[in-house]
PDB file of N, CA and C in Angstrom:
ATOM      1  N   UNK A   1     114.924 182.066 164.371  1.00  0.00           N
ATOM      2  CA  UNK A   1     114.500 182.558 163.086  1.00  0.00           C
ATOM      3  C   UNK A   1     113.132 181.979 162.711  1.00  0.00           C
ATOM      4  N   UNK A   2     112.948 180.681 162.987  1.00  0.00           N
ATOM      5  CA  UNK A   2     111.648 180.068 162.677  1.00  0.00           C
ATOM      6  C   UNK A   2     110.546 180.652 163.550  1.00  0.00           C
ATOM      7  N   UNK A   3     110.890 181.043 164.769  1.00  0.00           N
ATOM      8  CA  UNK A   3     109.911 181.709 165.631  1.00  0.00           C
ATOM      9  C   UNK A   3     109.656 183.132 165.146  1.00  0.00           C
ATOM     10  N   UNK A   4     110.709 183.848 164.871  1.00  0.00           N
ATOM     11  CA  UNK A   4     110.574 185.248 164.476  1.00  0.00           C
ATOM     12  C   UNK A   4     109.820 185.393 163.162  1.00  0.00           C
ATOM     13  N   UNK A   5     110.139 184.571 162.189  1.00  0.00           N
ATOM     14  CA  UNK A   5     109.545 184.695 160.856  1.00  0.00           C
ATOM     15  C   UNK A   5     108.220 183.945 160.712  1.00  0.00           C
ATOM     16  N   UNK A   6     108.090 182.791 161.409  1.00  0.00           N
ATOM     17  CA  UNK A   6     106.905 181.966 161.211  1.00  0.00           C
ATOM     18  C   UNK A   6     106.111 181.660 162.456  1.00  0.00           C
ATOM     19  N   UNK A   7     106.575 182.134 163.600  1.00  0.00           N
ATOM     20  CA  UNK A   7     105.903 181.881 164.884  1.00  0.00           C
ATOM     21  C   UNK A   7     105.735 180.377 165.145  1.00  0.00           C
ATOM     22  N   UNK A   8     106.731 179.593 164.731  1.00  0.00           N
ATOM     23  CA  UNK A   8     106.654 178.142 164.833  1.00  0.00           C
ATOM     24  C   UNK A   8     106.504 177.666 166.275  1.00  0.00           C
ATOM     25  N   UNK A   9     107.293 178.194 167.187  1.00  0.00           N
ATOM     26  CA  UNK A   9     107.220 177.735 168.582  1.00  0.00           C
ATOM     27  C   UNK A   9     105.871 178.108 169.193  1.00  0.00           C
ATOM     28  N   UNK A  10     105.390 179.314 168.903  1.00  0.00           N
ATOM     29  CA  UNK A  10     104.064 179.709 169.399  1.00  0.00           C
ATOM     30  C   UNK A  10     103.014 178.698 168.949  1.00  0.00           C
ATOM     31  N   UNK A  11     103.080 178.332 167.662  1.00  0.00           N
ATOM     32  CA  UNK A  11     102.099 177.397 167.112  1.00  0.00           C
ATOM     33  C   UNK A  11     102.216 176.021 167.758  1.00  0.00           C
ATOM     34  N   UNK A  12     103.435 175.499 167.878  1.00  0.00           N
ATOM     35  CA  UNK A  12     103.624 174.151 168.407  1.00  0.00           C
ATOM     36  C   UNK A  12     103.340 174.047 169.901  1.00  0.00           C
ATOM     37  N   UNK A  13     103.564 175.115 170.649  1.00  0.00           N
ATOM     38  CA  UNK A  13     103.347 175.079 172.097  1.00  0.00           C
ATOM     39  C   UNK A  13     101.912 175.458 172.491  1.00  0.00           C
ATOM     40  N   UNK A  14     101.134 175.967 171.565  1.00  0.00           N
ATOM     41  CA  UNK A  14      99.750 176.363 171.848  1.00  0.00           C
ATOM     42  C   UNK A  14      98.862 175.112 171.844  1.00  0.00           C
ATOM     43  N   UNK A  15      98.097 174.889 172.917  1.00  0.00           N
ATOM     44  CA  UNK A  15      97.140 173.782 172.884  1.00  0.00           C
ATOM     45  C   UNK A  15      96.057 174.096 171.840  1.00  0.00           C
ATOM     46  N   UNK A  16      95.877 173.240 170.855  1.00  0.00           N
ATOM     47  CA  UNK A  16      94.959 173.568 169.755  1.00  0.00           C
ATOM     48  C   UNK A  16      93.638 172.808 169.820  1.00  0.00           C
ATOM     49  N   UNK A  17      93.427 172.014 170.860  1.00  0.00           N
ATOM     50  CA  UNK A  17      92.207 171.195 170.926  1.00  0.00           C
ATOM     51  C   UNK A  17      90.939 172.039 170.983  1.00  0.00           C
ATOM     52  N   UNK A  18      91.008 173.233 171.505  1.00  0.00           N
ATOM     53  CA  UNK A  18      89.802 174.063 171.616  1.00  0.00           C
ATOM     54  C   UNK A  18      89.519 174.872 170.349  1.00  0.00           C
ATOM     55  N   UNK A  19      90.425 174.831 169.371  1.00  0.00           N
ATOM     56  CA  UNK A  19      90.233 175.592 168.130  1.00  0.00           C
ATOM     57  C   UNK A  19      89.588 174.716 167.067  1.00  0.00           C
ATOM     58  N   UNK A  20      88.842 175.336 166.187  1.00  0.00           N
ATOM     59  CA  UNK A  20      88.222 174.602 165.081  1.00  0.00           C
ATOM     60  C   UNK A  20      89.279 174.265 164.035  1.00  0.00           C
ATOM     61  N   UNK A  21      88.961 173.307 163.183  1.00  0.00           N
ATOM     62  CA  UNK A  21      89.879 172.945 162.107  1.00  0.00           C
ATOM     63  C   UNK A  21      90.161 174.150 161.209  1.00  0.00           C
ATOM     64  N   UNK A  22      89.147 174.987 160.991  1.00  0.00           N
ATOM     65  CA  UNK A  22      89.338 176.177 160.149  1.00  0.00           C
ATOM     66  C   UNK A  22      90.317 177.157 160.799  1.00  0.00           C
ATOM     67  N   UNK A  23      90.219 177.329 162.126  1.00  0.00           N
ATOM     68  CA  UNK A  23      91.142 178.219 162.823  1.00  0.00           C
ATOM     69  C   UNK A  23      92.573 177.675 162.772  1.00  0.00           C
ATOM     70  N   UNK A  24      92.724 176.384 162.987  1.00  0.00           N
ATOM     71  CA  UNK A  24      94.055 175.768 162.932  1.00  0.00           C
ATOM     72  C   UNK A  24      94.609 175.879 161.517  1.00  0.00           C
ATOM     73  N   UNK A  25      93.773 175.623 160.527  1.00  0.00           N
ATOM     74  CA  UNK A  25      94.198 175.716 159.130  1.00  0.00           C
ATOM     75  C   UNK A  25      94.684 177.108 158.771  1.00  0.00           C
ATOM     76  N   UNK A  26      93.988 178.125 159.235  1.00  0.00           N
ATOM     77  CA  UNK A  26      94.394 179.503 158.957  1.00  0.00           C
ATOM     78  C   UNK A  26      95.747 179.807 159.599  1.00  0.00           C
ATOM     79  N   UNK A  27      95.960 179.315 160.819  1.00  0.00           N
ATOM     80  CA  UNK A  27      97.244 179.527 161.498  1.00  0.00           C
ATOM     81  C   UNK A  27      98.358 178.780 160.780  1.00  0.00           C
ATOM     82  N   UNK A  28      98.075 177.562 160.339  1.00  0.00           N
ATOM     83  CA  UNK A  28      99.081 176.754 159.660  1.00  0.00           C
ATOM     84  C   UNK A  28      99.564 177.442 158.386  1.00  0.00           C
ATOM     85  N   UNK A  29      98.671 178.069 157.654  1.00  0.00           N
ATOM     86  CA  UNK A  29      99.088 178.763 156.423  1.00  0.00           C
ATOM     87  C   UNK A  29     100.154 179.812 156.707  1.00  0.00           C
ATOM     88  N   UNK A  30      99.968 180.575 157.749  1.00  0.00           N
ATOM     89  CA  UNK A  30     100.925 181.631 158.082  1.00  0.00           C
ATOM     90  C   UNK A  30     102.244 181.045 158.583  1.00  0.00           C
ATOM     91  N   UNK A  31     102.174 180.032 159.439  1.00  0.00           N
ATOM     92  CA  UNK A  31     103.381 179.373 159.935  1.00  0.00           C
ATOM     93  C   UNK A  31     104.130 178.732 158.766  1.00  0.00           C
ATOM     94  N   UNK A  32     103.416 178.063 157.890  1.00  0.00           N
ATOM     95  CA  UNK A  32     104.001 177.399 156.726  1.00  0.00           C
ATOM     96  C   UNK A  32     104.741 178.397 155.840  1.00  0.00           C
ATOM     97  N   UNK A  33     104.118 179.519 155.555  1.00  0.00           N
ATOM     98  CA  UNK A  33     104.741 180.535 154.704  1.00  0.00           C
ATOM     99  C   UNK A  33     105.992 181.104 155.356  1.00  0.00           C
ATOM    100  N   UNK A  34     105.883 181.523 156.589  1.00  0.00           N
ATOM    101  CA  UNK A  34     107.010 182.154 157.271  1.00  0.00           C
ATOM    102  C   UNK A  34     108.178 181.206 157.481  1.00  0.00           C
ATOM    103  N   UNK A  35     107.896 179.987 157.911  1.00  0.00           N
ATOM    104  CA  UNK A  35     108.970 179.018 158.151  1.00  0.00           C
ATOM    105  C   UNK A  35     109.583 178.547 156.835  1.00  0.00           C
ATOM    106  N   UNK A  36     108.764 178.363 155.803  1.00  0.00           N
ATOM    107  CA  UNK A  36     109.289 177.962 154.497  1.00  0.00           C
ATOM    108  C   UNK A  36     110.235 179.008 153.930  1.00  0.00           C
ATOM    109  N   UNK A  37     109.847 180.264 154.032  1.00  0.00           N
ATOM    110  CA  UNK A  37     110.711 181.356 153.564  1.00  0.00           C
ATOM    111  C   UNK A  37     112.034 181.383 154.331  1.00  0.00           C
ATOM    112  N   UNK A  38     111.962 181.161 155.645  1.00  0.00           N
ATOM    113  CA  UNK A  38     113.162 181.175 156.479  1.00  0.00           C
ATOM    114  C   UNK A  38     114.096 180.030 156.123  1.00  0.00           C
ATOM    115  N   UNK A  39     113.558 178.835 155.973  1.00  0.00           N
ATOM    116  CA  UNK A  39     114.393 177.689 155.597  1.00  0.00           C
ATOM    117  C   UNK A  39     115.069 177.917 154.254  1.00  0.00           C
ATOM    118  N   UNK A  40     114.354 178.486 153.318  1.00  0.00           N
ATOM    119  CA  UNK A  40     114.934 178.744 151.998  1.00  0.00           C
ATOM    120  C   UNK A  40     116.050 179.779 152.086  1.00  0.00           C
ATOM    121  N   UNK A  41     115.822 180.843 152.823  1.00  0.00           N
ATOM    122  CA  UNK A  41     116.803 181.923 152.912  1.00  0.00           C
ATOM    123  C   UNK A  41     118.102 181.475 153.587  1.00  0.00           C
ATOM    124  N   UNK A  42     118.009 180.708 154.658  1.00  0.00           N
ATOM    125  CA  UNK A  42     119.203 180.349 155.420  1.00  0.00           C
ATOM    126  C   UNK A  42     119.804 178.994 155.055  1.00  0.00           C
ATOM    127  N   UNK A  43     119.007 178.093 154.469  1.00  0.00           N
ATOM    128  CA  UNK A  43     119.495 176.737 154.222  1.00  0.00           C
ATOM    129  C   UNK A  43     119.321 176.237 152.787  1.00  0.00           C
ATOM    130  N   UNK A  44     118.510 176.872 151.975  1.00  0.00           N
ATOM    131  CA  UNK A  44     118.246 176.427 150.601  1.00  0.00           C
ATOM    132  C   UNK A  44     118.006 174.913 150.577  1.00  0.00           C
ATOM    133  N   UNK A  45     116.929 174.487 151.223  1.00  0.00           N
ATOM    134  CA  UNK A  45     116.601 173.067 151.352  1.00  0.00           C
ATOM    135  C   UNK A  45     116.198 172.491 149.994  1.00  0.00           C
ATOM    136  N   UNK A  46     116.815 171.343 149.648  1.00  0.00           N
ATOM    137  CA  UNK A  46     116.537 170.643 148.393  1.00  0.00           C
ATOM    138  C   UNK A  46     116.429 169.147 148.676  1.00  0.00           C
ATOM    139  N   UNK A  47     115.747 168.399 147.802  1.00  0.00           N
ATOM    140  CA  UNK A  47     115.673 166.946 147.985  1.00  0.00           C
ATOM    141  C   UNK A  47     117.053 166.294 147.868  1.00  0.00           C
ATOM    142  N   UNK A  48     117.267 165.230 148.627  1.00  0.00           N
ATOM    143  CA  UNK A  48     118.496 164.445 148.521  1.00  0.00           C
ATOM    144  C   UNK A  48     118.493 163.675 147.201  1.00  0.00           C
ATOM    145  N   UNK A  49     117.351 163.094 146.859  1.00  0.00           N
ATOM    146  CA  UNK A  49     117.219 162.314 145.629  1.00  0.00           C
ATOM    147  C   UNK A  49     116.299 163.041 144.657  1.00  0.00           C
ATOM    148  N   UNK A  50     116.622 162.947 143.368  1.00  0.00           N
ATOM    149  CA  UNK A  50     115.823 163.634 142.345  1.00  0.00           C
ATOM    150  C   UNK A  50     114.736 162.743 141.747  1.00  0.00           C
ATOM    151  N   UNK A  51     114.810 161.441 141.996  1.00  0.00           N
ATOM    152  CA  UNK A  51     113.797 160.535 141.454  1.00  0.00           C
ATOM    153  C   UNK A  51     112.438 160.797 142.109  1.00  0.00           C
ATOM    154  N   UNK A  52     111.389 160.434 141.421  1.00  0.00           N
ATOM    155  CA  UNK A  52     110.038 160.573 141.959  1.00  0.00           C
ATOM    156  C   UNK A  52     109.817 159.557 143.073  1.00  0.00           C
ATOM    157  N   UNK A  53     109.112 159.976 144.111  1.00  0.00           N
ATOM    158  CA  UNK A  53     108.756 159.031 145.161  1.00  0.00           C
ATOM    159  C   UNK A  53     107.905 157.933 144.553  1.00  0.00           C
ATOM    160  N   UNK A  54     108.199 156.705 144.913  1.00  0.00           N
ATOM    161  CA  UNK A  54     107.523 155.545 144.348  1.00  0.00           C
ATOM    162  C   UNK A  54     108.353 154.847 143.279  1.00  0.00           C
ATOM    163  N   UNK A  55     109.367 155.517 142.767  1.00  0.00           N
ATOM    164  CA  UNK A  55     110.207 154.909 141.736  1.00  0.00           C
ATOM    165  C   UNK A  55     111.165 153.891 142.366  1.00  0.00           C
ATOM    166  N   UNK A  56     111.663 152.986 141.520  1.00  0.00           N
ATOM    167  CA  UNK A  56     112.586 151.953 141.978  1.00  0.00           C
ATOM    168  C   UNK A  56     113.992 152.519 142.038  1.00  0.00           C
ATOM    169  N   UNK A  57     114.696 152.194 143.111  1.00  0.00           N
ATOM    170  CA  UNK A  57     116.034 152.719 143.328  1.00  0.00           C
ATOM    171  C   UNK A  57     116.939 151.584 143.815  1.00  0.00           C
ATOM    172  N   UNK A  58     118.138 151.526 143.264  1.00  0.00           N
ATOM    173  CA  UNK A  58     119.134 150.563 143.731  1.00  0.00           C
ATOM    174  C   UNK A  58     120.139 151.307 144.605  1.00  0.00           C
ATOM    175  N   UNK A  59     120.305 150.813 145.819  1.00  0.00           N
ATOM    176  CA  UNK A  59     121.210 151.432 146.791  1.00  0.00           C
ATOM    177  C   UNK A  59     122.498 150.623 146.812  1.00  0.00           C
ATOM    178  N   UNK A  60     123.621 151.252 146.485  1.00  0.00           N
ATOM    179  CA  UNK A  60     124.884 150.511 146.404  1.00  0.00           C
ATOM    180  C   UNK A  60     125.428 150.114 147.774  1.00  0.00           C
ATOM    181  N   UNK A  61     126.373 149.220 147.759  1.00  0.00           N
ATOM    182  CA  UNK A  61     127.014 148.760 148.997  1.00  0.00           C
ATOM    183  C   UNK A  61     127.747 149.888 149.699  1.00  0.00           C
ATOM    184  N   UNK A  62     128.155 150.910 148.957  1.00  0.00           N
ATOM    185  CA  UNK A  62     128.894 152.032 149.544  1.00  0.00           C
ATOM    186  C   UNK A  62     128.008 152.976 150.355  1.00  0.00           C
ATOM    187  N   UNK A  63     126.689 152.761 150.364  1.00  0.00           N
ATOM    188  CA  UNK A  63     125.778 153.623 151.115  1.00  0.00           C
ATOM    189  C   UNK A  63     126.120 153.569 152.607  1.00  0.00           C
ATOM    190  N   UNK A  64     126.344 154.741 153.215  1.00  0.00           N
ATOM    191  CA  UNK A  64     126.683 154.792 154.645  1.00  0.00           C
ATOM    192  C   UNK A  64     125.499 155.187 155.520  1.00  0.00           C
ATOM    193  N   UNK A  65     124.341 155.381 154.929  1.00  0.00           N
ATOM    194  CA  UNK A  65     123.143 155.717 155.695  1.00  0.00           C
ATOM    195  C   UNK A  65     122.924 157.203 155.910  1.00  0.00           C
ATOM    196  N   UNK A  66     123.872 158.042 155.534  1.00  0.00           N
ATOM    197  CA  UNK A  66     123.698 159.471 155.761  1.00  0.00           C
ATOM    198  C   UNK A  66     122.750 160.106 154.737  1.00  0.00           C
ATOM    199  N   UNK A  67     122.730 159.603 153.528  1.00  0.00           N
ATOM    200  CA  UNK A  67     121.832 160.147 152.502  1.00  0.00           C
ATOM    201  C   UNK A  67     120.652 159.237 152.209  1.00  0.00           C
ATOM    202  N   UNK A  68     120.826 157.947 152.397  1.00  0.00           N
ATOM    203  CA  UNK A  68     119.748 156.992 152.133  1.00  0.00           C
ATOM    204  C   UNK A  68     119.630 156.063 153.337  1.00  0.00           C
ATOM    205  N   UNK A  69     118.440 156.035 153.945  1.00  0.00           N
ATOM    206  CA  UNK A  69     118.164 155.129 155.066  1.00  0.00           C
ATOM    207  C   UNK A  69     117.315 153.983 154.542  1.00  0.00           C
ATOM    208  N   UNK A  70     117.743 152.780 154.781  1.00  0.00           N
ATOM    209  CA  UNK A  70     116.995 151.607 154.364  1.00  0.00           C
ATOM    210  C   UNK A  70     115.942 151.278 155.409  1.00  0.00           C
ATOM    211  N   UNK A  71     114.721 150.999 154.968  1.00  0.00           N
ATOM    212  CA  UNK A  71     113.641 150.607 155.870  1.00  0.00           C
ATOM    213  C   UNK A  71     112.983 149.357 155.303  1.00  0.00           C
ATOM    214  N   UNK A  72     112.107 148.762 156.062  1.00  0.00           N
ATOM    215  CA  UNK A  72     111.402 147.574 155.589  1.00  0.00           C
ATOM    216  C   UNK A  72     112.180 146.309 155.892  1.00  0.00           C
ATOM    217  N   UNK A  73     112.079 145.346 155.012  1.00  0.00           N
ATOM    218  CA  UNK A  73     112.690 144.035 155.196  1.00  0.00           C
ATOM    219  C   UNK A  73     114.098 144.041 154.612  1.00  0.00           C
ATOM    220  N   UNK A  74     115.061 144.545 155.373  1.00  0.00           N
ATOM    221  CA  UNK A  74     116.447 144.654 154.915  1.00  0.00           C
ATOM    222  C   UNK A  74     117.186 143.398 155.350  1.00  0.00           C
ATOM    223  N   UNK A  75     117.425 142.500 154.404  1.00  0.00           N
ATOM    224  CA  UNK A  75     118.156 141.262 154.675  1.00  0.00           C
ATOM    225  C   UNK A  75     119.165 141.032 153.569  1.00  0.00           C
ATOM    226  N   UNK A  76     120.111 140.194 153.818  1.00  0.00           N
ATOM    227  CA  UNK A  76     121.103 139.879 152.812  1.00  0.00           C
ATOM    228  C   UNK A  76     122.150 140.967 152.702  1.00  0.00           C
ATOM    229  N   UNK A  77     122.860 140.933 151.586  1.00  0.00           N
ATOM    230  CA  UNK A  77     123.960 141.876 151.369  1.00  0.00           C
ATOM    231  C   UNK A  77     123.609 142.849 150.259  1.00  0.00           C
ATOM    232  N   UNK A  78     124.161 144.066 150.322  1.00  0.00           N
ATOM    233  CA  UNK A  78     123.905 145.052 149.284  1.00  0.00           C
ATOM    234  C   UNK A  78     124.556 144.633 147.960  1.00  0.00           C
ATOM    235  N   UNK A  79     124.126 145.224 146.868  1.00  0.00           N
ATOM    236  CA  UNK A  79     123.200 146.353 146.764  1.00  0.00           C
ATOM    237  C   UNK A  79     121.757 145.921 147.032  1.00  0.00           C
ATOM    238  N   UNK A  80     120.952 146.886 147.481  1.00  0.00           N
ATOM    239  CA  UNK A  80     119.542 146.664 147.755  1.00  0.00           C
ATOM    240  C   UNK A  80     118.718 147.419 146.725  1.00  0.00           C
ATOM    241  N   UNK A  81     117.605 146.848 146.339  1.00  0.00           N
ATOM    242  CA  UNK A  81     116.689 147.520 145.427  1.00  0.00           C
ATOM    243  C   UNK A  81     115.353 147.658 146.136  1.00  0.00           C
ATOM    244  N   UNK A  82     114.794 148.853 146.062  1.00  0.00           N
ATOM    245  CA  UNK A  82     113.519 149.096 146.714  1.00  0.00           C
ATOM    246  C   UNK A  82     112.815 150.299 146.128  1.00  0.00           C
ATOM    247  N   UNK A  83     111.705 150.663 146.756  1.00  0.00           N
ATOM    248  CA  UNK A  83     110.873 151.791 146.320  1.00  0.00           C
ATOM    249  C   UNK A  83     111.251 153.029 147.113  1.00  0.00           C
ATOM    250  N   UNK A  84     111.468 154.139 146.421  1.00  0.00           N
ATOM    251  CA  UNK A  84     111.788 155.401 147.092  1.00  0.00           C
ATOM    252  C   UNK A  84     110.532 155.902 147.801  1.00  0.00           C
ATOM    253  N   UNK A  85     110.540 155.829 149.126  1.00  0.00           N
ATOM    254  CA  UNK A  85     109.379 156.244 149.925  1.00  0.00           C
ATOM    255  C   UNK A  85     109.422 157.737 150.244  1.00  0.00           C
ATOM    256  N   UNK A  86     110.610 158.304 150.351  1.00  0.00           N
ATOM    257  CA  UNK A  86     110.768 159.731 150.650  1.00  0.00           C
ATOM    258  C   UNK A  86     112.090 160.181 150.063  1.00  0.00           C
ATOM    259  N   UNK A  87     112.083 161.300 149.372  1.00  0.00           N
ATOM    260  CA  UNK A  87     113.286 161.782 148.675  1.00  0.00           C
ATOM    261  C   UNK A  87     114.325 162.375 149.615  1.00  0.00           C
ATOM    262  N   UNK A  88     113.977 162.622 150.878  1.00  0.00           N
ATOM    263  CA  UNK A  88     114.919 163.206 151.832  1.00  0.00           C
ATOM    264  C   UNK A  88     115.088 164.701 151.613  1.00  0.00           C
ATOM    265  N   UNK A  89     115.779 165.329 152.528  1.00  0.00           N
ATOM    266  CA  UNK A  89     116.042 166.769 152.441  1.00  0.00           C
ATOM    267  C   UNK A  89     117.488 167.035 152.806  1.00  0.00           C
ATOM    268  N   UNK A  90     118.080 168.027 152.170  1.00  0.00           N
ATOM    269  CA  UNK A  90     119.440 168.452 152.506  1.00  0.00           C
ATOM    270  C   UNK A  90     119.543 169.968 152.400  1.00  0.00           C
ATOM    271  N   UNK A  91     120.400 170.522 153.212  1.00  0.00           N
ATOM    272  CA  UNK A  91     120.687 171.952 153.129  1.00  0.00           C
ATOM    273  C   UNK A  91     121.797 172.138 152.100  1.00  0.00           C
ATOM    274  N   UNK A  92     121.531 172.977 151.102  1.00  0.00           N
ATOM    275  CA  UNK A  92     122.568 173.224 150.094  1.00  0.00           C
ATOM    276  C   UNK A  92     123.408 174.439 150.447  1.00  0.00           C
ATOM    277  N   UNK A  93     123.030 175.115 151.531  1.00  0.00           N
ATOM    278  CA  UNK A  93     123.853 176.183 152.095  1.00  0.00           C
ATOM    279  C   UNK A  93     123.464 176.328 153.556  1.00  0.00           C
ATOM    280  N   UNK A  94     124.339 176.912 154.330  1.00  0.00           N
ATOM    281  CA  UNK A  94     124.041 177.240 155.727  1.00  0.00           C
ATOM    282  C   UNK A  94     124.602 178.626 155.963  1.00  0.00           C
ATOM    283  N   UNK A  95     123.703 179.589 156.100  1.00  0.00           N
ATOM    284  CA  UNK A  95     124.110 180.982 156.320  1.00  0.00           C
ATOM    285  C   UNK A  95     123.394 181.520 157.546  1.00  0.00           C
ATOM    286  N   UNK A  96     123.876 181.128 158.704  1.00  0.00           N
ATOM    287  CA  UNK A  96     123.269 181.561 159.953  1.00  0.00           C
ATOM    288  C   UNK A  96     123.908 182.855 160.431  1.00  0.00           C
ATOM    289  N   UNK A  97     123.104 183.751 160.980  1.00  0.00           N
ATOM    290  CA  UNK A  97     123.684 184.985 161.524  1.00  0.00           C
ATOM    291  C   UNK A  97     124.519 184.686 162.757  1.00  0.00           C
ATOM    292  N   UNK A  98     125.543 185.473 162.975  1.00  0.00           N
ATOM    293  CA  UNK A  98     126.398 185.323 164.148  1.00  0.00           C
ATOM    294  C   UNK A  98     125.740 186.000 165.354  1.00  0.00           C
ATOM    295  N   UNK A  99     125.814 185.351 166.503  1.00  0.00           N
ATOM    296  CA  UNK A  99     125.273 185.923 167.736  1.00  0.00           C
ATOM    297  C   UNK A  99     126.189 187.049 168.196  1.00  0.00           C
ATOM    298  N   UNK A 100     125.620 188.214 168.446  1.00  0.00           N
ATOM    299  CA  UNK A 100     126.417 189.356 168.892  1.00  0.00           C
ATOM    300  C   UNK A 100     125.960 189.896 170.242  1.00  0.00           C
ATOM    301  N   UNK A 101     124.952 189.272 170.812  1.00  0.00           N
ATOM    302  CA  UNK A 101     124.440 189.745 172.091  1.00  0.00           C
ATOM    303  C   UNK A 101     125.209 189.183 173.264  1.00  0.00           C
ATOM    304  N   UNK A 102     124.756 189.503 174.475  1.00  0.00           N
ATOM    305  CA  UNK A 102     125.427 188.996 175.677  1.00  0.00           C
ATOM    306  C   UNK A 102     125.248 187.482 175.812  1.00  0.00           C
ATOM    307  N   UNK A 103     126.247 186.816 176.386  1.00  0.00           N
ATOM    308  CA  UNK A 103     126.228 185.363 176.535  1.00  0.00           C
ATOM    309  C   UNK A 103     125.010 184.890 177.326  1.00  0.00           C
ATOM    310  N   UNK A 104     124.591 185.663 178.312  1.00  0.00           N
ATOM    311  CA  UNK A 104     123.451 185.284 179.144  1.00  0.00           C
ATOM    312  C   UNK A 104     122.146 185.213 178.346  1.00  0.00           C
ATOM    313  N   UNK A 105     122.087 185.888 177.212  1.00  0.00           N
ATOM    314  CA  UNK A 105     120.873 185.913 176.397  1.00  0.00           C
ATOM    315  C   UNK A 105     120.933 184.963 175.198  1.00  0.00           C
ATOM    316  N   UNK A 106     122.010 184.237 175.042  1.00  0.00           N
ATOM    317  CA  UNK A 106     122.205 183.407 173.858  1.00  0.00           C
ATOM    318  C   UNK A 106     121.158 182.310 173.710  1.00  0.00           C
ATOM    319  N   UNK A 107     120.564 181.860 174.817  1.00  0.00           N
ATOM    320  CA  UNK A 107     119.594 180.781 174.740  1.00  0.00           C
ATOM    321  C   UNK A 107     118.148 181.256 174.690  1.00  0.00           C
ATOM    322  N   UNK A 108     117.935 182.546 174.640  1.00  0.00           N
ATOM    323  CA  UNK A 108     116.571 183.078 174.531  1.00  0.00           C
ATOM    324  C   UNK A 108     116.140 182.907 173.078  1.00  0.00           C
ATOM    325  N   UNK A 109     115.119 182.092 172.863  1.00  0.00           N
ATOM    326  CA  UNK A 109     114.629 181.837 171.510  1.00  0.00           C
ATOM    327  C   UNK A 109     113.776 182.983 171.018  1.00  0.00           C
ATOM    328  N   UNK A 110     112.942 183.502 171.895  1.00  0.00           N
ATOM    329  CA  UNK A 110     112.117 184.651 171.567  1.00  0.00           C
ATOM    330  C   UNK A 110     111.872 185.422 172.863  1.00  0.00           C
ATOM    331  N   UNK A 111     112.139 186.713 172.861  1.00  0.00           N
ATOM    332  CA  UNK A 111     111.928 187.474 174.091  1.00  0.00           C
ATOM    333  C   UNK A 111     110.434 187.621 174.414  1.00  0.00           C
ATOM    334  N   UNK A 112     110.126 187.815 175.671  1.00  0.00           N
ATOM    335  CA  UNK A 112     108.764 188.129 176.056  1.00  0.00           C
ATOM    336  C   UNK A 112     108.414 189.494 175.468  1.00  0.00           C
ATOM    337  N   UNK A 113     107.160 189.689 175.146  1.00  0.00           N
ATOM    338  CA  UNK A 113     106.726 190.963 174.573  1.00  0.00           C
ATOM    339  C   UNK A 113     105.767 191.648 175.542  1.00  0.00           C
ATOM    340  N   UNK A 114     106.001 192.894 175.795  1.00  0.00           N
ATOM    341  CA  UNK A 114     105.127 193.689 176.655  1.00  0.00           C
ATOM    342  C   UNK A 114     104.615 194.860 175.850  1.00  0.00           C
ATOM    343  N   UNK A 115     103.300 194.908 175.686  1.00  0.00           N
ATOM    344  CA  UNK A 115     102.687 196.017 174.952  1.00  0.00           C
ATOM    345  C   UNK A 115     102.372 197.127 175.936  1.00  0.00           C
ATOM    346  N   UNK A 116     102.967 198.282 175.715  1.00  0.00           N
ATOM    347  CA  UNK A 116     102.766 199.415 176.602  1.00  0.00           C
ATOM    348  C   UNK A 116     101.626 200.251 176.039  1.00  0.00           C
ATOM    349  N   UNK A 117     100.671 200.548 176.867  1.00  0.00           N
ATOM    350  CA  UNK A 117      99.498 201.269 176.399  1.00  0.00           C
ATOM    351  C   UNK A 117      99.486 202.602 176.942  1.00  0.00           C
TER     352      UNK A 117
END
């Protein structure tokens, strides 16, 4: 879906050293739009934490690491207090289409394209 809607794999696998920053920037805008729309439609991505990045946060002892990862100088016993460096991301829904094609084609991310003239 990220390839079909945003051409993400094409962009990531293309060697970009020979392109100008302006050319890369123009490509990134299209990839960003297409992939962002796809993530929203199928996963409704939202921040894990609602606090502003940089704000102080106390992490309770019950934290299992799945929603909050501790970094930096983690010593002693919880609760820990620190600065929110990244709010994290979570999928608030998962609505993936079901594969209906042949099993042999299930791993094809994007088919080859042949333009007939």
